[in-house]
Amino acid sequence: MYRHKDIKEKEKLNIGYILPDFRQYEVACMSYPLLTSFNEVEFNVFCYANGDVKELRERLGNQSSVWRNIAGISVEMAVRGIQKDKIDILVDLSSHTSSHCLPILSRKPAVIQMSSIGYFHTTGLKTVEYLLTDKYCSPEEQDQDYFVEEALLIPQSHFCYRPSTEELAAYEDAPMTKNGYVTFGCFHHFTHVVDDFLLVWQAMIAEVPNARLIIKSRIFGSGYGCQETRFRLKRLGFDLDRVELRSVRSDDFDDYRDVDIILDTCPYQGASSTCDALYMGVPVIVMTGTRHSSRLGYSILKNIGLEECIAQTTEEYISKAIALANNPYKVMNLHKNLRERMRKSPLMDEKRYVANVERLYKKVWKNIVDEVQAEKILKEVSVLLHTVEEGLVYLHGRLVLGDLSEVVLQIFDDTAYAFKNTQVAVHGIFGDNETLLWLIKKSNKARQLCKSKQGAKAGECIATEIMPLLKEMIKRVERRLEK
């Protein structure tokens, strides 16, 4: 567990990224910019992964980041390693996915912890304070009841796409020009496609003469997966002669050359698969949901300015897909221009993306430094106010006995000075200093009464006017410290 002495203003912040396997394509293609294009003047980057970190580091080509292999070690050892590296902000890129690192995060080895990219729901851990997202996936007015994390909004995309290949050209005619019919496709995990959404596809394809559908997923690598899917599609009314099932292969990008239009899934949408399609020049039809996980496609298309492919309802999803299928010129134009459109968009602007993320890192760090400083000040103020309280009790006792000596006046002066110091100390913490201003005013009033030889009235002022205000002030400070 971190200690308060670790929280202070720093010239350089230590950022840690933790993921079981950085070779996992879906996350890697969106997180590599954070690992390679960071500001080396203001940040140190540490990467915690399972596997050969030397190979990963060499592949990325950035020798400035520090890589740690956490494969096969216990949670306690991993936690100690992160603590030894003195990580200020630890960013989890896996959350509840396979071989996740949540037990490590639950022990809070870093000062600040956040989740991003690899998973699109809450971690459920109170030790993870933030979710790194964007204004499209998590609009400010959206209900955040489903997240324990506070949303940190990036102005554009909350990830930056780096394709795994630069070799395959995208500037080819759409397949429809040679086939004479439209080919729809879905290369997202087929396990995410529910029957209700398959019925949407079935209704759509039925309206487009001779249209074909290519579905690609890992489950089609076995005869059983294909057989069960064909049975499912037939039960839902699909013409199986117009549907092709493909398994995942090493040359996945080449399959996009056979598709005119990609159909995104809902409610769980594609991220890397959507970006891959757009990078290969294939337009994607998406339907916007209300949750973070069902707004990824919306965010991606908004970032490249492809609003005409965004639907809000199933009816609009169907109509937009049919309209695009019936517009060969539009489809061919998109196939030729989408890759360049992607390259010029925030989705592939690594410099702007990393700058936006690092700006948030600095902001949350400043916030916690300010909170620790405020807590320190409040503790000092609490001691000061209790000392003032004791002084006023003593003063009241002396005044009751008729003591109007110089010592009494000096205690009044000390009290006024303490109130002024308190006013300076808590400036900006409570938002106003009205109570303190009243305390100073009443203290000055009691002192003047004392100087005028009106000790009884000065004592009454302390008992009935000053002490209640002072006790309320002490309660406010103590409540703030308890938070």
Protein backbone atom coordinates (compact mmCIF):
# COMPACT_ATOMS: atom_id res chain seq x y z
CA MET A 1 0.00 0.00 0.00
CA TYR A 2 1.28 3.45 -0.86
CA ARG A 3 2.02 6.03 1.81
CA HIS A 4 1.17 9.72 1.90
CA LYS A 5 4.81 10.67 1.67
CA ASP A 6 4.79 9.20 -1.86
CA ILE A 7 2.15 11.74 -2.92
CA LYS A 8 3.87 14.98 -3.84
CA GLU A 9 4.54 17.16 -6.82
CA LYS A 10 6.94 15.44 -9.20
CA GLU A 11 8.86 16.37 -12.30
CA LYS A 12 8.31 12.85 -13.63
CA LEU A 13 5.40 10.48 -13.02
CA ASN A 14 5.79 6.70 -13.07
CA ILE A 15 3.03 5.16 -15.20
CA GLY A 16 2.44 1.41 -15.17
CA TYR A 17 0.47 -0.62 -17.71
CA ILE A 18 -0.60 -4.10 -16.73
CA LEU A 19 -1.93 -6.78 -19.10
CA PRO A 20 -1.52 -10.56 -19.06
CA ASP A 21 -0.46 -10.66 -22.72
CA PHE A 22 0.58 -7.56 -24.66
CA ARG A 23 0.66 -9.76 -27.77
CA GLN A 24 -3.14 -10.03 -27.60
CA TYR A 25 -4.04 -8.23 -30.80
CA GLU A 26 -7.37 -6.71 -29.75
CA VAL A 27 -5.72 -4.67 -26.99
CA ALA A 28 -2.20 -4.36 -28.36
CA CYS A 29 -3.21 -2.49 -31.53
CA MET A 30 -4.89 0.15 -29.35
CA SER A 31 -2.40 0.44 -26.51
CA TYR A 32 0.99 0.43 -28.25
CA PRO A 33 1.04 4.24 -28.72
CA LEU A 34 0.90 4.66 -24.93
CA LEU A 35 3.95 2.40 -24.59
CA THR A 36 6.05 3.91 -27.37
CA SER A 37 5.06 7.55 -27.94
CA PHE A 38 4.99 8.87 -24.38
CA ASN A 39 6.64 12.10 -23.24
CA GLU A 40 9.95 10.86 -21.85
CA VAL A 41 10.65 14.18 -20.14
CA GLU A 42 7.57 13.99 -17.91
CA PHE A 43 6.85 10.26 -17.67
CA ASN A 44 8.51 6.91 -17.00
CA VAL A 45 6.61 3.93 -18.38
CA PHE A 46 6.60 0.43 -16.87
CA CYS A 47 4.88 -2.54 -18.56
CA TYR A 48 3.84 -5.66 -16.64
CA ALA A 49 3.15 -8.66 -18.86
CA ASN A 50 3.15 -12.44 -19.03
CA GLY A 51 5.80 -13.70 -21.43
CA ASP A 52 9.04 -12.77 -23.13
CA VAL A 53 9.23 -9.04 -22.43
CA LYS A 54 12.52 -8.71 -24.31
CA GLU A 55 10.82 -9.79 -27.52
CA LEU A 56 7.93 -7.38 -26.94
CA ARG A 57 10.23 -4.48 -26.18
CA GLU A 58 12.29 -5.08 -29.32
CA ARG A 59 9.16 -5.37 -31.45
CA LEU A 60 7.88 -2.01 -30.20
CA GLY A 61 11.21 -0.34 -30.94
CA ASN A 62 11.15 1.89 -27.86
CA GLN A 63 13.98 1.22 -25.43
CA SER A 64 12.86 3.83 -22.87
CA SER A 65 10.04 1.84 -21.29
CA VAL A 66 10.75 -0.74 -18.58
CA TRP A 67 9.31 -4.23 -19.00
CA ARG A 68 8.58 -6.70 -16.21
CA ASN A 69 7.64 -10.35 -16.74
CA ILE A 70 5.04 -11.31 -14.14
CA ALA A 71 4.34 -14.76 -15.58
CA GLY A 72 4.15 -17.49 -12.96
CA ILE A 73 4.71 -15.25 -9.94
CA SER A 74 2.29 -14.83 -7.07
CA VAL A 75 0.00 -11.85 -6.64
CA GLU A 76 2.00 -10.80 -3.57
CA MET A 77 5.27 -10.81 -5.52
CA ALA A 78 3.72 -8.82 -8.36
CA VAL A 79 2.37 -6.27 -5.88
CA ARG A 80 5.77 -5.91 -4.24
CA GLY A 81 7.39 -5.45 -7.63
CA ILE A 82 4.98 -2.65 -8.57
CA GLN A 83 5.53 -1.00 -5.20
CA LYS A 84 9.28 -1.25 -5.66
CA ASP A 85 8.94 0.55 -9.00
CA LYS A 86 7.03 3.30 -7.13
CA ILE A 87 4.22 3.42 -9.68
CA ASP A 88 2.14 6.57 -9.37
CA ILE A 89 -0.62 5.61 -11.83
CA LEU A 90 -1.35 1.97 -12.72
CA VAL A 91 -3.51 1.42 -15.81
CA ASP A 92 -5.22 -1.97 -16.16
CA LEU A 93 -5.81 -3.12 -19.74
CA SER A 94 -7.55 -6.45 -19.07
CA SER A 95 -10.15 -6.09 -16.29
CA HIS A 96 -12.44 -9.18 -16.29
CA THR A 97 -11.01 -10.78 -19.43
CA SER A 98 -9.11 -14.10 -19.41
CA SER A 99 -6.07 -14.24 -17.09
CA HIS A 100 -6.94 -10.84 -15.68
CA CYS A 101 -4.87 -8.97 -13.08
CA LEU A 102 -7.65 -7.79 -10.78
CA PRO A 103 -6.26 -9.52 -7.65
CA ILE A 104 -3.18 -7.32 -8.04
CA LEU A 105 -5.25 -4.16 -8.37
CA SER A 106 -7.37 -5.11 -5.35
CA ARG A 107 -4.25 -4.74 -3.18
CA LYS A 108 -3.73 -1.15 -4.38
CA PRO A 109 0.00 -1.23 -5.20
CA ALA A 110 -0.14 2.19 -6.91
CA VAL A 111 -1.30 5.60 -5.71
CA ILE A 112 -3.91 5.93 -8.48
CA GLN A 113 -5.42 3.06 -10.47
CA MET A 114 -7.58 3.14 -13.59
CA SER A 115 -9.07 0.83 -16.19
CA SER A 116 -9.07 1.31 -19.95
CA ILE A 117 -9.19 -0.21 -23.46
CA GLY A 118 -9.21 -3.96 -22.73
CA TYR A 119 -12.67 -4.14 -21.17
CA PHE A 120 -15.73 -1.96 -21.41
CA HIS A 121 -17.54 -2.55 -18.13
CA THR A 122 -16.69 -1.72 -14.54
CA THR A 123 -13.97 -3.61 -12.66
CA GLY A 124 -16.18 -3.52 -9.57
CA LEU A 125 -13.14 -2.65 -7.45
CA LYS A 126 -13.18 0.36 -5.14
CA THR A 127 -9.40 0.39 -5.45
CA VAL A 128 -9.74 1.40 -9.13
CA GLU A 129 -10.67 5.07 -9.11
CA TYR A 130 -11.01 5.92 -12.80
CA LEU A 131 -12.23 4.63 -16.16
CA LEU A 132 -10.37 6.10 -19.12
CA THR A 133 -13.03 6.67 -21.78
CA ASP A 134 -14.23 9.33 -24.23
CA LYS A 135 -17.11 11.72 -24.69
CA TYR A 136 -18.81 9.45 -27.25
CA CYS A 137 -18.71 6.22 -25.24
CA SER A 138 -19.54 7.97 -21.97
CA PRO A 139 -21.41 11.24 -22.53
CA GLU A 140 -21.62 13.41 -19.42
CA GLU A 141 -25.37 13.04 -19.14
CA GLN A 142 -25.15 9.22 -19.26
CA ASP A 143 -26.08 7.37 -16.08
CA GLN A 144 -22.88 6.18 -14.37
CA ASP A 145 -24.59 3.95 -11.82
CA TYR A 146 -23.08 0.87 -13.44
CA PHE A 147 -19.49 1.99 -12.79
CA VAL A 148 -17.65 2.25 -9.50
CA GLU A 149 -14.97 4.20 -11.37
CA GLU A 150 -15.15 7.89 -12.18
CA ALA A 151 -15.12 8.52 -15.93
CA LEU A 152 -12.11 10.40 -17.31
CA LEU A 153 -13.20 11.76 -20.67
CA ILE A 154 -10.80 12.17 -23.58
CA PRO A 155 -12.05 14.76 -26.11
CA GLN A 156 -11.81 12.31 -29.05
CA SER A 157 -11.18 8.55 -28.97
CA HIS A 158 -10.06 6.85 -25.76
CA PHE A 159 -7.80 4.53 -27.75
CA CYS A 160 -5.47 4.97 -30.70
CA TYR A 161 -5.42 2.39 -33.47
CA ARG A 162 -2.15 1.01 -34.81
CA PRO A 163 -2.75 -1.65 -37.50
CA SER A 164 -0.74 -4.85 -37.49
CA THR A 165 0.01 -4.49 -41.18
CA GLU A 166 0.93 -1.66 -43.53
CA GLU A 167 1.48 -3.95 -46.48
CA LEU A 168 -2.02 -4.68 -47.76
CA ALA A 169 -3.35 -2.02 -50.08
CA ALA A 170 -6.90 -0.83 -49.44
CA TYR A 171 -7.47 1.11 -52.65
CA GLU A 172 -9.33 -1.51 -54.65
CA ASP A 173 -12.78 -1.61 -56.14
CA ALA A 174 -15.49 -2.96 -53.87
CA PRO A 175 -16.26 -6.69 -54.48
CA MET A 176 -19.75 -5.77 -55.67
CA THR A 177 -18.29 -4.34 -58.90
CA LYS A 178 -17.07 -7.78 -60.02
CA ASN A 179 -19.56 -10.00 -58.20
CA GLY A 180 -22.72 -8.23 -59.27
CA TYR A 181 -24.17 -8.49 -55.75
CA VAL A 182 -23.54 -7.02 -52.32
CA THR A 183 -21.57 -8.95 -49.70
CA PHE A 184 -22.15 -8.10 -46.07
CA GLY A 185 -19.76 -9.34 -43.42
CA CYS A 186 -19.18 -9.68 -39.71
CA PHE A 187 -15.69 -10.51 -38.41
CA HIS A 188 -16.49 -9.87 -34.75
CA HIS A 189 -16.73 -12.69 -32.16
CA PHE A 190 -19.87 -14.58 -33.20
CA THR A 191 -20.57 -15.51 -29.58
CA HIS A 192 -21.54 -11.85 -29.10
CA VAL A 193 -24.34 -12.08 -31.69
CA VAL A 194 -27.75 -12.74 -30.11
CA ASP A 195 -30.73 -14.16 -31.99
CA ASP A 196 -32.62 -10.87 -31.94
CA PHE A 197 -29.77 -9.23 -33.83
CA LEU A 198 -29.49 -12.13 -36.27
CA LEU A 199 -33.15 -11.53 -37.11
CA VAL A 200 -32.22 -7.92 -37.95
CA TRP A 201 -29.59 -9.21 -40.38
CA GLN A 202 -32.02 -11.72 -41.84
CA ALA A 203 -34.62 -8.99 -42.50
CA MET A 204 -31.95 -6.78 -44.06
CA ILE A 205 -30.47 -9.41 -46.40
CA ALA A 206 -33.94 -10.45 -47.51
CA GLU A 207 -34.49 -6.90 -48.82
CA VAL A 208 -31.27 -6.81 -50.89
CA PRO A 209 -31.46 -8.99 -54.03
CA ASN A 210 -28.80 -11.74 -54.18
CA ALA A 211 -26.98 -10.31 -51.13
CA ARG A 212 -24.44 -12.55 -49.41
CA LEU A 213 -23.23 -12.69 -45.80
CA ILE A 214 -19.74 -13.75 -44.70
CA ILE A 215 -19.40 -14.48 -40.97
CA LYS A 216 -15.90 -15.10 -39.62
CA SER A 217 -15.14 -16.28 -36.10
CA ARG A 218 -12.91 -18.69 -34.21
CA ILE A 219 -15.81 -21.03 -33.53
CA PHE A 220 -15.96 -21.90 -37.24
CA GLY A 221 -12.58 -23.61 -36.96
CA SER A 222 -14.44 -26.79 -35.99
CA GLY A 223 -17.09 -28.78 -37.79
CA TYR A 224 -19.27 -28.68 -34.69
CA GLY A 225 -19.19 -24.87 -34.55
CA CYS A 226 -20.20 -24.59 -38.19
CA GLN A 227 -22.94 -27.22 -37.89
CA GLU A 228 -24.51 -25.59 -34.84
CA THR A 229 -24.38 -22.13 -36.42
CA ARG A 230 -26.01 -23.32 -39.67
CA PHE A 231 -28.77 -24.96 -37.65
CA ARG A 232 -29.26 -21.73 -35.70
CA LEU A 233 -29.35 -19.57 -38.85
CA LYS A 234 -31.79 -21.91 -40.62
CA ARG A 235 -34.08 -21.83 -37.59
CA LEU A 236 -34.11 -18.02 -37.82
CA GLY A 237 -35.07 -18.03 -41.52
CA PHE A 238 -31.71 -17.47 -43.24
CA ASP A 239 -31.11 -18.76 -46.75
CA LEU A 240 -27.97 -20.81 -46.05
CA ASP A 241 -26.95 -20.65 -49.71
CA ARG A 242 -26.31 -16.94 -49.17
CA VAL A 243 -24.26 -17.37 -45.96
CA GLU A 244 -20.56 -18.34 -45.77
CA LEU A 245 -18.81 -19.26 -42.50
CA ARG A 246 -15.05 -18.66 -42.26
CA SER A 247 -12.57 -19.50 -39.56
CA VAL A 248 -9.85 -17.17 -38.28
CA ARG A 249 -6.60 -17.52 -40.23
CA SER A 250 -3.18 -15.86 -40.30
CA ASP A 251 -4.12 -13.71 -43.31
CA ASP A 252 -7.25 -12.22 -41.74
CA PHE A 253 -6.85 -8.80 -43.36
CA ASP A 254 -7.11 -10.35 -46.83
CA ASP A 255 -10.68 -11.45 -46.07
CA TYR A 256 -11.83 -7.82 -46.08
CA ARG A 257 -11.28 -7.80 -49.85
CA ASP A 258 -14.33 -10.08 -50.16
CA VAL A 259 -16.70 -7.79 -48.24
CA ASP A 260 -18.53 -4.64 -49.34
CA ILE A 261 -20.10 -3.66 -46.01
CA ILE A 262 -19.35 -4.82 -42.46
CA LEU A 263 -22.25 -5.21 -40.00
CA ASP A 264 -21.35 -4.43 -36.41
CA THR A 265 -22.98 -6.32 -33.56
CA CYS A 266 -25.05 -5.02 -30.65
CA PRO A 267 -25.14 -4.65 -27.70
CA TYR A 268 -21.50 -5.76 -27.50
CA GLN A 269 -19.70 -4.02 -30.33
CA GLY A 270 -16.43 -4.50 -32.13
CA ALA A 271 -13.44 -2.24 -31.49
CA SER A 272 -10.29 -3.60 -33.14
CA SER A 273 -12.38 -5.51 -35.71
CA THR A 274 -14.24 -2.31 -36.64
CA CYS A 275 -10.99 -0.38 -36.96
CA ASP A 276 -9.48 -3.18 -39.07
CA ALA A 277 -12.43 -3.06 -41.46
CA LEU A 278 -12.28 0.72 -41.84
CA TYR A 279 -8.51 0.60 -42.31
CA MET A 280 -9.03 -1.89 -45.14
CA GLY A 281 -11.57 0.47 -46.71
CA VAL A 282 -14.74 -1.37 -45.74
CA PRO A 283 -17.58 0.77 -44.31
CA VAL A 284 -19.20 -0.43 -41.07
CA ILE A 285 -22.86 -0.05 -40.08
CA VAL A 286 -23.23 0.37 -36.30
CA MET A 287 -26.16 0.79 -33.95
CA THR A 288 -25.71 3.05 -30.94
CA GLY A 289 -26.65 1.72 -27.52
CA THR A 290 -26.93 3.37 -24.12
CA ARG A 291 -24.01 1.65 -22.36
CA HIS A 292 -20.27 2.09 -22.79
CA SER A 293 -19.83 -1.32 -24.46
CA SER A 294 -22.58 -0.58 -26.99
CA ARG A 295 -21.20 2.81 -28.02
CA LEU A 296 -17.73 1.81 -29.25
CA GLY A 297 -18.77 1.72 -32.89
CA TYR A 298 -20.48 5.07 -32.47
CA SER A 299 -17.27 6.54 -31.03
CA ILE A 300 -15.13 5.12 -33.84
CA LEU A 301 -17.37 6.41 -36.63
CA LYS A 302 -17.78 9.83 -34.98
CA ASN A 303 -14.01 10.13 -34.82
CA ILE A 304 -13.65 9.59 -38.56
CA GLY A 305 -16.76 11.57 -39.50
CA LEU A 306 -18.77 8.63 -40.89
CA GLU A 307 -22.09 9.61 -39.30
CA GLU A 308 -24.10 8.26 -42.24
CA CYS A 309 -23.30 4.72 -41.04
CA ILE A 310 -24.52 5.32 -37.48
CA ALA A 311 -28.01 4.11 -36.51
CA GLN A 312 -30.00 4.78 -33.35
CA THR A 313 -32.64 2.05 -33.80
CA THR A 314 -32.90 -1.36 -35.45
CA GLU A 315 -35.15 0.11 -38.13
CA GLU A 316 -32.56 2.78 -38.93
CA TYR A 317 -29.79 0.14 -38.85
CA ILE A 318 -31.64 -1.89 -41.49
CA SER A 319 -32.55 1.11 -43.65
CA LYS A 320 -29.00 2.54 -43.60
CA ALA A 321 -27.46 -0.80 -44.51
CA ILE A 322 -29.94 -1.28 -47.39
CA ALA A 323 -29.46 2.30 -48.60
CA LEU A 324 -25.69 1.89 -48.68
CA ALA A 325 -25.98 -1.50 -50.42
CA ASN A 326 -28.11 0.16 -53.10
CA ASN A 327 -25.54 2.91 -53.65
CA PRO A 328 -22.57 1.27 -55.45
CA TYR A 329 -20.89 4.62 -56.12
CA LYS A 330 -20.90 5.47 -52.40
CA VAL A 331 -19.55 2.03 -51.46
CA MET A 332 -16.74 2.21 -54.04
CA ASN A 333 -15.82 5.72 -52.94
CA LEU A 334 -15.57 4.61 -49.30
CA HIS A 335 -13.43 1.60 -50.25
CA LYS A 336 -10.97 3.94 -51.92
CA ASN A 337 -10.86 6.67 -49.28
CA LEU A 338 -11.52 5.18 -45.84
CA ARG A 339 -7.91 4.26 -45.07
CA GLU A 340 -6.69 7.81 -45.67
CA ARG A 341 -9.65 9.08 -43.70
CA MET A 342 -8.60 6.85 -40.82
CA ARG A 343 -4.99 8.04 -40.95
CA LYS A 344 -6.06 11.67 -40.75
CA SER A 345 -8.51 11.08 -37.88
CA PRO A 346 -7.98 11.12 -34.10
CA LEU A 347 -8.13 7.30 -34.24
CA MET A 348 -4.60 7.19 -35.65
CA ASP A 349 -3.18 10.50 -34.42
CA GLU A 350 -0.79 9.03 -31.87
CA LYS A 351 0.77 12.33 -30.86
CA ARG A 352 -2.56 13.99 -30.04
CA TYR A 353 -3.95 10.88 -28.38
CA VAL A 354 -1.00 10.35 -26.05
CA ALA A 355 -0.92 14.07 -25.21
CA ASN A 356 -4.62 13.92 -24.24
CA VAL A 357 -4.09 10.86 -22.03
CA GLU A 358 -0.99 12.30 -20.37
CA ARG A 359 -2.85 15.54 -19.70
CA LEU A 360 -5.40 13.50 -17.74
CA TYR A 361 -2.64 11.67 -15.89
CA LYS A 362 -1.18 14.99 -14.76
CA LYS A 363 -4.62 16.29 -13.82
CA VAL A 364 -5.56 13.36 -11.56
CA TRP A 365 -2.12 13.40 -9.99
CA LYS A 366 -2.44 17.11 -9.22
CA ASN A 367 -5.88 16.46 -7.73
CA ILE A 368 -4.57 13.85 -5.30
CA VAL A 369 -1.55 16.00 -4.40
CA ASP A 370 -3.96 18.87 -3.67
CA GLU A 371 -6.15 16.54 -1.58
CA VAL A 372 -3.19 15.35 0.49
CA GLN A 373 -2.04 18.93 0.98
CA ALA A 374 -5.57 19.96 1.97
CA GLU A 375 -5.72 17.08 4.47
CA LYS A 376 -2.40 18.17 5.96
CA ILE A 377 -3.65 21.75 6.26
CA LEU A 378 -6.94 20.63 7.81
CA LYS A 379 -5.11 18.59 10.44
CA GLU A 380 -3.06 21.67 11.33
CA VAL A 381 -6.23 23.80 11.36
CA SER A 382 -7.95 21.26 13.61
CA VAL A 383 -5.12 21.49 16.14
CA LEU A 384 -5.15 25.28 15.88
CA LEU A 385 -8.90 25.58 16.42
CA HIS A 386 -8.85 23.23 19.41
CA THR A 387 -6.05 25.35 20.88
CA VAL A 388 -8.16 28.48 20.30
CA GLU A 389 -11.11 26.73 21.95
CA GLU A 390 -9.02 26.04 25.05
CA GLY A 391 -7.83 29.64 25.06
CA LEU A 392 -11.37 31.00 24.86
CA VAL A 393 -12.52 28.71 27.68
CA TYR A 394 -9.67 30.07 29.79
CA LEU A 395 -10.54 33.65 28.77
CA HIS A 396 -14.18 33.16 29.68
CA GLY A 397 -13.16 31.87 33.11
CA ARG A 398 -10.86 34.86 33.72
CA LEU A 399 -13.52 37.33 32.62
CA VAL A 400 -16.08 35.71 34.94
CA LEU A 401 -13.60 36.39 37.77
CA GLY A 402 -13.30 40.02 36.63
CA ASP A 403 -9.74 39.69 35.31
CA LEU A 404 -9.17 42.47 32.74
CA SER A 405 -5.37 42.41 32.85
CA GLU A 406 -2.93 42.82 29.98
CA VAL A 407 -2.51 39.01 29.91
CA VAL A 408 -6.20 38.66 29.05
CA LEU A 409 -5.88 41.24 26.27
CA GLN A 410 -2.81 39.42 24.95
CA ILE A 411 -4.79 36.16 24.78
CA PHE A 412 -7.44 38.03 22.79
CA ASP A 413 -4.69 39.20 20.40
CA ASP A 414 -3.36 35.64 20.09
CA THR A 415 -6.86 34.36 19.37
CA ALA A 416 -7.43 36.96 16.64
CA TYR A 417 -4.07 36.07 15.10
CA ALA A 418 -4.97 32.35 15.17
CA PHE A 419 -8.29 33.04 13.44
CA LYS A 420 -6.54 35.00 10.69
CA ASN A 421 -4.03 32.18 10.18
CA THR A 422 -6.91 29.73 9.96
CA GLN A 423 -8.62 31.93 7.39
CA VAL A 424 -5.50 31.85 5.20
CA ALA A 425 -5.01 28.09 5.70
CA VAL A 426 -8.52 27.00 4.68
CA HIS A 427 -8.91 29.48 1.83
CA GLY A 428 -10.39 27.57 -1.10
CA ILE A 429 -11.00 24.35 0.85
CA PHE A 430 -14.52 25.16 2.06
CA GLY A 431 -15.40 27.51 -0.75
CA ASP A 432 -16.15 30.37 1.64
CA ASN A 433 -14.77 31.81 4.87
CA GLU A 434 -17.99 33.36 6.17
CA THR A 435 -17.83 31.55 9.53
CA LEU A 436 -14.23 32.58 10.08
CA LEU A 437 -15.00 36.19 9.17
CA TRP A 438 -17.77 36.18 11.79
CA LEU A 439 -15.41 34.64 14.37
CA ILE A 440 -12.84 37.35 13.73
CA LYS A 441 -15.52 40.03 13.97
CA LYS A 442 -16.96 38.64 17.24
CA SER A 443 -13.49 38.15 18.70
CA ASN A 444 -12.67 41.81 17.99
CA LYS A 445 -15.99 42.81 19.57
CA ALA A 446 -15.21 40.84 22.76
CA ARG A 447 -11.72 42.37 22.94
CA GLN A 448 -13.12 45.90 22.65
CA LEU A 449 -15.61 45.13 25.42
CA CYS A 450 -12.73 43.90 27.55
CA LYS A 451 -10.68 47.04 26.86
CA SER A 452 -13.75 49.10 27.82
CA LYS A 453 -13.80 47.33 31.19
CA GLN A 454 -16.98 45.45 30.28
CA GLY A 455 -15.68 42.03 31.21
CA ALA A 456 -19.09 40.48 31.86
CA LYS A 457 -20.34 41.43 28.39
CA ALA A 458 -17.06 40.21 26.84
CA GLY A 459 -17.53 36.85 28.60
CA GLU A 460 -21.15 36.67 27.43
CA CYS A 461 -20.01 37.36 23.84
CA ILE A 462 -17.53 34.48 24.07
CA ALA A 463 -20.11 32.06 25.55
CA THR A 464 -23.12 32.88 23.37
CA GLU A 465 -21.66 34.14 20.09
CA ILE A 466 -18.08 32.97 19.61
CA MET A 467 -18.08 29.46 21.08
CA PRO A 468 -21.09 28.11 19.07
CA LEU A 469 -19.52 29.36 15.84
CA LEU A 470 -16.15 27.93 16.80
CA LYS A 471 -17.63 24.50 17.63
CA GLU A 472 -19.44 24.47 14.27
CA MET A 473 -16.19 25.31 12.53
CA ILE A 474 -14.39 22.48 14.34
CA LYS A 475 -17.14 20.04 13.31
CA ARG A 476 -16.82 21.09 9.67
CA VAL A 477 -13.08 20.49 9.72
CA GLU A 478 -13.46 17.10 11.41
CA ARG A 479 -16.18 15.99 8.96
CA ARG A 480 -13.91 16.93 6.09
CA LEU A 481 -11.05 14.93 7.59
CA GLU A 482 -13.28 11.86 7.97
CA LYS A 483 -14.04 11.71 4.23
